[in-house]
Amino acid sequence: MKLYTKKGDRGQTSLFSGRRAAKFDPRVAAVGDLDELTASLGLARVVFPEANDLLSGAQKALYTISAIVSAEARKIDLAFDDAETAALEAEIDRATDALPPLRDFIYPGEAEASARLHMARAVARRAERSVAALEDPPAPESALAYLNRLSDLLFALARLADLHSGHADRMLGG
């Protein structure tokens, strides 16, 4: 089987729903942003193995969200619920408990792992905006909540990565 199909050579692609869409279609863009986020998490996993299992789980969840977004209104057998978001919240709390209090905005990335996690956080925010902008049908609220919490988790992990590498937060005000 060849990797290329040539079906997208004229600026269109197929969604999981079966609909052909322009590659600049908002739904295609949202799936692309989710794909970029998944790749960003892979980069972060390489340099922050302490969070490998957690970030791998997030990658799996992002594939599910991508499938749901790409399916549009088509009925698919994929579950995504609030338990995924609750699990992220527990991890955010765990990471935050190990960190000094945040007193101001921080400059991202005092160490490579932190920089990659902050980059993934920024991509997560973009993916969240893209998915939130979808209409007919809109994205499930559970997916939006997950993306919002994922960016929070990536922020906490970035700070934790700095701490593990011996760097303190570099605060905006100091």
N, C-alpha and C. Protein backbone atom coordinates (compact mmCIF):
# COMPACT_ATOMS: atom_id res chain seq x y z
N MET A 1 0.85 -1.18 0.00
CA MET A 1 0.00 0.00 0.00
C MET A 1 0.89 1.24 0.00
N LYS A 2 0.60 2.16 -0.88
CA LYS A 2 1.38 3.38 -0.97
C LYS A 2 0.91 4.39 0.07
N LEU A 3 1.85 5.19 0.53
CA LEU A 3 1.55 6.22 1.52
C LEU A 3 0.71 7.34 0.92
N TYR A 4 0.95 7.66 -0.31
CA TYR A 4 0.23 8.76 -0.94
C TYR A 4 -0.96 8.23 -1.74
N THR A 5 -2.04 9.03 -1.75
CA THR A 5 -3.25 8.66 -2.49
C THR A 5 -3.54 9.61 -3.64
N LYS A 6 -2.98 10.79 -3.60
CA LYS A 6 -3.19 11.86 -4.58
C LYS A 6 -4.60 12.47 -4.51
N LYS A 7 -5.41 12.02 -3.55
CA LYS A 7 -6.78 12.54 -3.42
C LYS A 7 -6.81 13.96 -2.89
N GLY A 8 -5.74 14.39 -2.23
CA GLY A 8 -5.71 15.74 -1.68
C GLY A 8 -4.95 16.74 -2.52
N ASP A 9 -4.56 16.33 -3.72
CA ASP A 9 -3.73 17.20 -4.56
C ASP A 9 -4.43 18.46 -5.02
N ARG A 10 -5.72 18.51 -4.95
CA ARG A 10 -6.47 19.69 -5.41
C ARG A 10 -7.04 20.49 -4.25
N GLY A 11 -6.43 20.32 -3.06
CA GLY A 11 -6.83 21.16 -1.93
C GLY A 11 -8.02 20.68 -1.15
N GLN A 12 -8.39 19.42 -1.32
CA GLN A 12 -9.50 18.87 -0.54
C GLN A 12 -9.05 17.60 0.16
N THR A 13 -9.78 17.26 1.21
CA THR A 13 -9.51 16.04 1.95
C THR A 13 -10.84 15.45 2.39
N SER A 14 -10.81 14.23 2.87
CA SER A 14 -12.03 13.58 3.35
C SER A 14 -12.06 13.58 4.87
N LEU A 15 -13.20 13.93 5.41
CA LEU A 15 -13.43 13.83 6.84
C LEU A 15 -13.94 12.43 7.17
N PHE A 16 -13.89 12.05 8.43
CA PHE A 16 -14.37 10.75 8.87
C PHE A 16 -15.86 10.60 8.57
N SER A 17 -16.57 11.70 8.49
CA SER A 17 -17.99 11.68 8.17
C SER A 17 -18.24 11.25 6.73
N GLY A 18 -17.19 11.29 5.89
CA GLY A 18 -17.32 10.97 4.47
C GLY A 18 -17.39 12.20 3.60
N ARG A 19 -17.59 13.35 4.19
CA ARG A 19 -17.69 14.59 3.43
C ARG A 19 -16.31 15.01 2.94
N ARG A 20 -16.24 15.46 1.68
CA ARG A 20 -15.02 16.06 1.15
C ARG A 20 -15.04 17.53 1.57
N ALA A 21 -13.91 18.01 2.04
CA ALA A 21 -13.85 19.39 2.54
C ALA A 21 -12.55 20.03 2.08
N ALA A 22 -12.61 21.34 1.89
CA ALA A 22 -11.40 22.09 1.55
C ALA A 22 -10.42 21.98 2.71
N LYS A 23 -9.15 21.98 2.41
CA LYS A 23 -8.14 21.85 3.45
C LYS A 23 -8.10 23.05 4.38
N PHE A 24 -8.75 24.15 3.98
CA PHE A 24 -8.84 25.32 4.86
C PHE A 24 -10.18 25.38 5.59
N ASP A 25 -11.02 24.35 5.43
CA ASP A 25 -12.28 24.25 6.16
C ASP A 25 -11.99 24.29 7.66
N PRO A 26 -12.80 25.00 8.44
CA PRO A 26 -12.54 25.10 9.89
C PRO A 26 -12.44 23.74 10.59
N ARG A 27 -13.21 22.76 10.14
CA ARG A 27 -13.17 21.43 10.77
C ARG A 27 -11.84 20.73 10.45
N VAL A 28 -11.38 20.88 9.22
CA VAL A 28 -10.10 20.30 8.82
C VAL A 28 -8.96 21.00 9.58
N ALA A 29 -9.08 22.32 9.73
CA ALA A 29 -8.08 23.08 10.48
C ALA A 29 -8.04 22.63 11.94
N ALA A 30 -9.19 22.39 12.54
CA ALA A 30 -9.24 21.95 13.93
C ALA A 30 -8.57 20.58 14.08
N VAL A 31 -8.85 19.68 13.15
CA VAL A 31 -8.20 18.36 13.19
C VAL A 31 -6.69 18.52 13.03
N GLY A 32 -6.26 19.42 12.16
CA GLY A 32 -4.83 19.69 11.98
C GLY A 32 -4.20 20.25 13.24
N ASP A 33 -4.90 21.15 13.93
CA ASP A 33 -4.37 21.70 15.18
C ASP A 33 -4.26 20.62 16.25
N LEU A 34 -5.23 19.72 16.30
CA LEU A 34 -5.16 18.60 17.24
C LEU A 34 -4.00 17.68 16.91
N ASP A 35 -3.76 17.46 15.62
CA ASP A 35 -2.64 16.65 15.19
C ASP A 35 -1.31 17.29 15.59
N GLU A 36 -1.21 18.60 15.40
CA GLU A 36 0.00 19.31 15.80
C GLU A 36 0.20 19.22 17.32
N LEU A 37 -0.87 19.30 18.07
CA LEU A 37 -0.78 19.17 19.52
C LEU A 37 -0.28 17.78 19.90
N THR A 38 -0.80 16.76 19.24
CA THR A 38 -0.35 15.40 19.51
C THR A 38 1.14 15.25 19.26
N ALA A 39 1.63 15.83 18.16
CA ALA A 39 3.06 15.79 17.85
C ALA A 39 3.86 16.59 18.88
N SER A 40 3.34 17.72 19.33
CA SER A 40 4.02 18.52 20.35
C SER A 40 4.16 17.75 21.65
N LEU A 41 3.14 16.98 21.99
CA LEU A 41 3.22 16.16 23.19
C LEU A 41 4.29 15.08 23.04
N GLY A 42 4.44 14.57 21.82
CA GLY A 42 5.49 13.60 21.57
C GLY A 42 6.87 14.19 21.79
N LEU A 43 7.07 15.43 21.33
CA LEU A 43 8.35 16.11 21.58
C LEU A 43 8.60 16.29 23.07
N ALA A 44 7.57 16.64 23.81
CA ALA A 44 7.72 16.83 25.25
C ALA A 44 8.02 15.51 25.95
N ARG A 45 7.41 14.43 25.50
CA ARG A 45 7.65 13.11 26.11
C ARG A 45 9.12 12.71 26.02
N VAL A 46 9.76 13.08 24.91
CA VAL A 46 11.15 12.70 24.68
C VAL A 46 12.07 13.28 25.75
N VAL A 47 11.81 14.50 26.17
CA VAL A 47 12.73 15.18 27.09
C VAL A 47 12.21 15.27 28.54
N PHE A 48 10.98 14.83 28.77
CA PHE A 48 10.45 14.82 30.13
C PHE A 48 9.78 13.47 30.40
N PRO A 49 10.60 12.42 30.50
CA PRO A 49 10.04 11.07 30.64
C PRO A 49 9.23 10.88 31.91
N GLU A 50 9.41 11.75 32.89
CA GLU A 50 8.62 11.66 34.12
C GLU A 50 7.12 11.72 33.82
N ALA A 51 6.74 12.36 32.73
CA ALA A 51 5.33 12.51 32.37
C ALA A 51 4.95 11.67 31.16
N ASN A 52 5.78 10.69 30.80
CA ASN A 52 5.55 9.91 29.59
C ASN A 52 4.16 9.27 29.55
N ASP A 53 3.80 8.55 30.61
CA ASP A 53 2.50 7.87 30.62
C ASP A 53 1.35 8.86 30.55
N LEU A 54 1.47 9.94 31.28
CA LEU A 54 0.43 10.97 31.30
C LEU A 54 0.26 11.61 29.91
N LEU A 55 1.38 11.96 29.28
CA LEU A 55 1.31 12.60 27.96
C LEU A 55 0.89 11.60 26.89
N SER A 56 1.27 10.34 27.02
CA SER A 56 0.80 9.31 26.08
C SER A 56 -0.71 9.16 26.16
N GLY A 57 -1.23 9.20 27.39
CA GLY A 57 -2.68 9.13 27.57
C GLY A 57 -3.38 10.32 26.94
N ALA A 58 -2.76 11.49 27.05
CA ALA A 58 -3.34 12.68 26.42
C ALA A 58 -3.33 12.54 24.90
N GLN A 59 -2.26 11.98 24.35
CA GLN A 59 -2.22 11.77 22.90
C GLN A 59 -3.37 10.87 22.45
N LYS A 60 -3.62 9.82 23.21
CA LYS A 60 -4.73 8.92 22.88
C LYS A 60 -6.07 9.66 22.94
N ALA A 61 -6.25 10.48 23.97
CA ALA A 61 -7.49 11.25 24.09
C ALA A 61 -7.65 12.22 22.92
N LEU A 62 -6.54 12.81 22.48
CA LEU A 62 -6.60 13.75 21.36
C LEU A 62 -7.00 13.05 20.06
N TYR A 63 -6.56 11.82 19.87
CA TYR A 63 -6.99 11.07 18.69
C TYR A 63 -8.50 10.83 18.74
N THR A 64 -9.02 10.57 19.92
CA THR A 64 -10.47 10.38 20.07
C THR A 64 -11.20 11.69 19.75
N ILE A 65 -10.72 12.79 20.28
CA ILE A 65 -11.35 14.08 20.00
C ILE A 65 -11.27 14.38 18.50
N SER A 66 -10.15 14.11 17.87
CA SER A 66 -10.01 14.33 16.43
C SER A 66 -11.04 13.52 15.64
N ALA A 67 -11.22 12.28 16.04
CA ALA A 67 -12.20 11.43 15.34
C ALA A 67 -13.61 11.98 15.52
N ILE A 68 -13.93 12.43 16.72
CA ILE A 68 -15.26 13.00 16.98
C ILE A 68 -15.47 14.26 16.14
N VAL A 69 -14.46 15.13 16.10
CA VAL A 69 -14.55 16.37 15.31
C VAL A 69 -14.70 16.03 13.83
N SER A 70 -13.93 15.07 13.34
CA SER A 70 -13.95 14.70 11.93
C SER A 70 -15.22 13.95 11.54
N ALA A 71 -15.87 13.31 12.50
CA ALA A 71 -17.09 12.55 12.20
C ALA A 71 -18.29 13.45 11.99
N GLU A 72 -18.18 14.69 12.42
CA GLU A 72 -19.30 15.64 12.36
C GLU A 72 -20.49 15.02 13.07
N ALA A 73 -21.63 14.91 12.43
CA ALA A 73 -22.82 14.38 13.10
C ALA A 73 -22.94 12.86 12.93
N ARG A 74 -22.03 12.26 12.21
CA ARG A 74 -22.08 10.81 11.98
C ARG A 74 -21.94 10.07 13.31
N LYS A 75 -22.76 9.08 13.51
CA LYS A 75 -22.73 8.30 14.74
C LYS A 75 -21.49 7.40 14.73
N ILE A 76 -20.65 7.57 15.74
CA ILE A 76 -19.47 6.72 15.89
C ILE A 76 -19.43 6.17 17.30
N ASP A 77 -18.77 5.08 17.46
CA ASP A 77 -18.71 4.41 18.75
C ASP A 77 -17.45 4.84 19.50
N LEU A 78 -17.38 6.12 19.84
CA LEU A 78 -16.26 6.65 20.61
C LEU A 78 -16.81 7.42 21.80
N ALA A 79 -16.35 7.06 22.96
CA ALA A 79 -16.81 7.73 24.17
C ALA A 79 -15.76 8.72 24.63
N PHE A 80 -16.21 9.87 25.01
CA PHE A 80 -15.34 10.87 25.62
C PHE A 80 -16.18 11.61 26.64
N ASP A 81 -15.81 11.46 27.89
CA ASP A 81 -16.66 12.05 28.92
C ASP A 81 -15.86 12.86 29.94
N ASP A 82 -16.55 13.33 30.94
CA ASP A 82 -15.94 14.20 31.95
C ASP A 82 -14.90 13.50 32.82
N ALA A 83 -14.89 12.17 32.82
CA ALA A 83 -13.89 11.44 33.62
C ALA A 83 -12.48 11.73 33.12
N GLU A 84 -12.33 11.92 31.82
CA GLU A 84 -11.02 12.26 31.25
C GLU A 84 -10.53 13.59 31.81
N THR A 85 -11.42 14.56 31.88
CA THR A 85 -11.06 15.88 32.40
C THR A 85 -10.78 15.82 33.89
N ALA A 86 -11.56 15.06 34.61
CA ALA A 86 -11.34 14.90 36.06
C ALA A 86 -9.97 14.29 36.34
N ALA A 87 -9.55 13.36 35.50
CA ALA A 87 -8.22 12.75 35.67
C ALA A 87 -7.12 13.80 35.47
N LEU A 88 -7.31 14.68 34.48
CA LEU A 88 -6.33 15.76 34.28
C LEU A 88 -6.30 16.69 35.49
N GLU A 89 -7.46 17.01 36.03
CA GLU A 89 -7.52 17.90 37.20
C GLU A 89 -6.74 17.31 38.37
N ALA A 90 -6.84 16.00 38.57
CA ALA A 90 -6.10 15.35 39.65
C ALA A 90 -4.59 15.48 39.42
N GLU A 91 -4.17 15.34 38.17
CA GLU A 91 -2.75 15.47 37.84
C GLU A 91 -2.27 16.91 37.99
N ILE A 92 -3.13 17.86 37.63
CA ILE A 92 -2.78 19.28 37.81
C ILE A 92 -2.58 19.56 39.29
N ASP A 93 -3.50 19.07 40.12
CA ASP A 93 -3.40 19.29 41.57
C ASP A 93 -2.13 18.65 42.11
N ARG A 94 -1.80 17.45 41.66
CA ARG A 94 -0.60 16.76 42.12
C ARG A 94 0.65 17.56 41.76
N ALA A 95 0.72 18.04 40.52
CA ALA A 95 1.88 18.82 40.08
C ALA A 95 1.96 20.14 40.82
N THR A 96 0.84 20.81 40.98
CA THR A 96 0.82 22.11 41.63
C THR A 96 1.22 22.02 43.10
N ASP A 97 0.85 20.93 43.76
CA ASP A 97 1.23 20.75 45.16
C ASP A 97 2.74 20.67 45.34
N ALA A 98 3.45 20.24 44.31
CA ALA A 98 4.92 20.11 44.39
C ALA A 98 5.64 21.40 44.00
N LEU A 99 4.89 22.43 43.61
CA LEU A 99 5.49 23.67 43.11
C LEU A 99 5.36 24.82 44.10
N PRO A 100 6.28 25.78 44.03
CA PRO A 100 6.09 26.98 44.84
C PRO A 100 4.89 27.78 44.31
N PRO A 101 4.29 28.60 45.16
CA PRO A 101 3.14 29.39 44.71
C PRO A 101 3.51 30.29 43.52
N LEU A 102 2.56 30.46 42.63
CA LEU A 102 2.76 31.32 41.46
C LEU A 102 2.34 32.74 41.85
N ARG A 103 3.26 33.68 41.72
CA ARG A 103 2.99 35.06 42.15
C ARG A 103 2.83 36.03 40.99
N ASP A 104 3.23 35.61 39.78
CA ASP A 104 3.22 36.52 38.65
C ASP A 104 3.27 35.68 37.37
N PHE A 105 3.16 36.33 36.24
CA PHE A 105 3.37 35.64 34.97
C PHE A 105 4.81 35.18 34.92
N ILE A 106 5.04 34.07 34.20
CA ILE A 106 6.41 33.58 34.08
C ILE A 106 6.83 33.55 32.62
N TYR A 107 8.14 33.65 32.42
CA TYR A 107 8.70 33.48 31.08
C TYR A 107 8.82 31.98 30.84
N PRO A 108 8.34 31.49 29.72
CA PRO A 108 8.39 30.06 29.45
C PRO A 108 9.81 29.54 29.24
N GLY A 109 10.04 28.37 29.79
CA GLY A 109 11.15 27.54 29.40
C GLY A 109 12.54 27.91 29.84
N GLU A 110 12.86 27.60 31.07
CA GLU A 110 14.23 27.76 31.54
C GLU A 110 15.07 26.54 31.17
N ALA A 111 14.44 25.44 30.84
CA ALA A 111 15.11 24.20 30.43
C ALA A 111 14.38 23.66 29.19
N GLU A 112 15.04 22.77 28.46
CA GLU A 112 14.44 22.27 27.22
C GLU A 112 13.09 21.60 27.45
N ALA A 113 12.99 20.76 28.46
CA ALA A 113 11.71 20.09 28.72
C ALA A 113 10.61 21.10 28.98
N SER A 114 10.92 22.10 29.77
CA SER A 114 9.95 23.15 30.07
C SER A 114 9.55 23.90 28.80
N ALA A 115 10.52 24.23 27.99
CA ALA A 115 10.23 24.96 26.74
C ALA A 115 9.31 24.15 25.84
N ARG A 116 9.57 22.86 25.73
CA ARG A 116 8.71 22.00 24.89
C ARG A 116 7.31 21.88 25.46
N LEU A 117 7.21 21.78 26.78
CA LEU A 117 5.88 21.71 27.40
C LEU A 117 5.13 23.02 27.24
N HIS A 118 5.81 24.14 27.35
CA HIS A 118 5.16 25.44 27.13
C HIS A 118 4.72 25.56 25.67
N MET A 119 5.51 25.07 24.74
CA MET A 119 5.13 25.12 23.33
C MET A 119 3.88 24.27 23.10
N ALA A 120 3.87 23.09 23.70
CA ALA A 120 2.68 22.23 23.60
C ALA A 120 1.46 22.91 24.22
N ARG A 121 1.68 23.65 25.32
CA ARG A 121 0.57 24.39 25.95
C ARG A 121 0.00 25.43 24.99
N ALA A 122 0.88 26.16 24.30
CA ALA A 122 0.41 27.17 23.36
C ALA A 122 -0.35 26.52 22.20
N VAL A 123 0.14 25.39 21.72
CA VAL A 123 -0.56 24.66 20.65
C VAL A 123 -1.91 24.16 21.16
N ALA A 124 -1.95 23.72 22.42
CA ALA A 124 -3.21 23.26 23.01
C ALA A 124 -4.24 24.38 23.05
N ARG A 125 -3.80 25.59 23.38
CA ARG A 125 -4.72 26.73 23.40
C ARG A 125 -5.27 27.02 22.00
N ARG A 126 -4.40 26.92 20.98
CA ARG A 126 -4.86 27.14 19.60
C ARG A 126 -5.85 26.05 19.19
N ALA A 127 -5.53 24.80 19.51
CA ALA A 127 -6.43 23.70 19.18
C ALA A 127 -7.78 23.89 19.87
N GLU A 128 -7.74 24.33 21.11
CA GLU A 128 -8.98 24.59 21.83
C GLU A 128 -9.81 25.66 21.13
N ARG A 129 -9.16 26.74 20.69
CA ARG A 129 -9.89 27.80 19.97
C ARG A 129 -10.49 27.27 18.68
N SER A 130 -9.74 26.46 17.95
CA SER A 130 -10.22 25.91 16.68
C SER A 130 -11.43 25.00 16.89
N VAL A 131 -11.33 24.16 17.90
CA VAL A 131 -12.43 23.23 18.18
C VAL A 131 -13.64 23.99 18.71
N ALA A 132 -13.42 25.00 19.54
CA ALA A 132 -14.53 25.79 20.09
C ALA A 132 -15.28 26.55 19.00
N ALA A 133 -14.62 26.88 17.91
CA ALA A 133 -15.24 27.66 16.83
C ALA A 133 -16.14 26.81 15.93
N LEU A 134 -16.13 25.51 16.09
CA LEU A 134 -16.90 24.64 15.20
C LEU A 134 -18.40 24.77 15.44
N GLU A 135 -19.12 24.72 14.34
CA GLU A 135 -20.59 24.74 14.39
C GLU A 135 -21.12 23.64 13.50
N ASP A 136 -22.36 23.30 13.67
CA ASP A 136 -23.08 22.36 12.80
C ASP A 136 -22.34 21.06 12.53
N PRO A 137 -22.08 20.22 13.47
CA PRO A 137 -22.38 20.35 14.90
C PRO A 137 -21.20 20.94 15.66
N PRO A 138 -21.49 21.52 16.80
CA PRO A 138 -20.39 22.00 17.65
C PRO A 138 -19.68 20.81 18.29
N ALA A 139 -18.49 21.06 18.78
CA ALA A 139 -17.75 20.01 19.49
C ALA A 139 -18.42 19.72 20.82
N PRO A 140 -18.31 18.51 21.31
CA PRO A 140 -18.88 18.20 22.63
C PRO A 140 -18.22 19.04 23.72
N GLU A 141 -19.01 19.46 24.68
CA GLU A 141 -18.48 20.26 25.79
C GLU A 141 -17.38 19.51 26.54
N SER A 142 -17.52 18.19 26.64
CA SER A 142 -16.50 17.41 27.35
C SER A 142 -15.15 17.51 26.65
N ALA A 143 -15.14 17.57 25.33
CA ALA A 143 -13.89 17.71 24.58
C ALA A 143 -13.28 19.08 24.80
N LEU A 144 -14.11 20.11 24.81
CA LEU A 144 -13.62 21.47 25.05
C LEU A 144 -13.04 21.60 26.46
N ALA A 145 -13.73 21.03 27.44
CA ALA A 145 -13.23 21.08 28.82
C ALA A 145 -11.89 20.35 28.92
N TYR A 146 -11.77 19.22 28.23
CA TYR A 146 -10.52 18.46 28.26
C TYR A 146 -9.37 19.28 27.68
N LEU A 147 -9.61 19.92 26.54
CA LEU A 147 -8.55 20.72 25.93
C LEU A 147 -8.15 21.88 26.83
N ASN A 148 -9.12 22.49 27.48
CA ASN A 148 -8.81 23.59 28.39
C ASN A 148 -7.96 23.10 29.56
N ARG A 149 -8.33 21.97 30.13
CA ARG A 149 -7.59 21.43 31.25
C ARG A 149 -6.22 20.91 30.83
N LEU A 150 -6.12 20.39 29.61
CA LEU A 150 -4.83 19.90 29.12
C LEU A 150 -3.81 21.03 29.07
N SER A 151 -4.24 22.19 28.62
CA SER A 151 -3.29 23.32 28.58
C SER A 151 -2.87 23.72 29.99
N ASP A 152 -3.79 23.64 30.95
CA ASP A 152 -3.43 23.92 32.34
C ASP A 152 -2.41 22.89 32.85
N LEU A 153 -2.64 21.63 32.52
CA LEU A 153 -1.71 20.58 32.93
C LEU A 153 -0.33 20.82 32.32
N LEU A 154 -0.28 21.17 31.06
CA LEU A 154 1.01 21.41 30.40
C LEU A 154 1.75 22.58 31.05
N PHE A 155 1.03 23.59 31.48
CA PHE A 155 1.65 24.70 32.21
C PHE A 155 2.26 24.21 33.52
N ALA A 156 1.48 23.43 34.28
CA ALA A 156 1.99 22.91 35.55
C ALA A 156 3.19 21.99 35.33
N LEU A 157 3.12 21.14 34.30
CA LEU A 157 4.24 20.24 34.02
C LEU A 157 5.48 21.01 33.57
N ALA A 158 5.29 22.10 32.84
CA ALA A 158 6.43 22.92 32.41
C ALA A 158 7.14 23.51 33.63
N ARG A 159 6.37 23.99 34.58
CA ARG A 159 6.97 24.50 35.81
C ARG A 159 7.67 23.39 36.57
N LEU A 160 7.05 22.22 36.61
CA LEU A 160 7.64 21.08 37.29
C LEU A 160 8.95 20.65 36.61
N ALA A 161 8.97 20.69 35.29
CA ALA A 161 10.19 20.33 34.55
C ALA A 161 11.31 21.30 34.88
N ASP A 162 10.99 22.58 34.99
CA ASP A 162 12.01 23.55 35.41
C ASP A 162 12.53 23.22 36.81
N LEU A 163 11.62 22.93 37.71
CA LEU A 163 12.00 22.60 39.08
C LEU A 163 12.91 21.37 39.11
N HIS A 164 12.54 20.33 38.35
CA HIS A 164 13.34 19.09 38.30
C HIS A 164 14.72 19.33 37.72
N SER A 165 14.85 20.33 36.86
CA SER A 165 16.15 20.60 36.25
C SER A 165 16.95 21.64 37.04
N GLY A 166 16.41 22.04 38.20
CA GLY A 166 17.15 22.97 39.06
C GLY A 166 16.93 24.43 38.75
N HIS A 167 15.93 24.74 37.94
CA HIS A 167 15.63 26.13 37.59
C HIS A 167 14.39 26.61 38.35
N ALA A 168 14.44 27.84 38.79
CA ALA A 168 13.26 28.46 39.40
C ALA A 168 12.47 29.18 38.31
N ASP A 169 11.19 29.42 38.60
CA ASP A 169 10.38 30.22 37.67
C ASP A 169 11.03 31.57 37.49
N ARG A 170 11.09 32.03 36.26
CA ARG A 170 11.57 33.39 35.98
C ARG A 170 10.32 34.25 35.83
N MET A 171 10.04 35.02 36.88
CA MET A 171 8.81 35.80 36.94
C MET A 171 8.93 37.10 36.17
N LEU A 172 7.81 37.51 35.60
CA LEU A 172 7.74 38.75 34.84
C LEU A 172 8.12 39.95 35.70
N GLY A 173 7.63 39.95 36.92
CA GLY A 173 7.87 41.09 37.79
C GLY A 173 9.17 41.02 38.59
N GLY A 174 10.03 40.08 38.30
CA GLY A 174 11.23 40.02 39.14
C GLY A 174 12.37 39.30 38.55
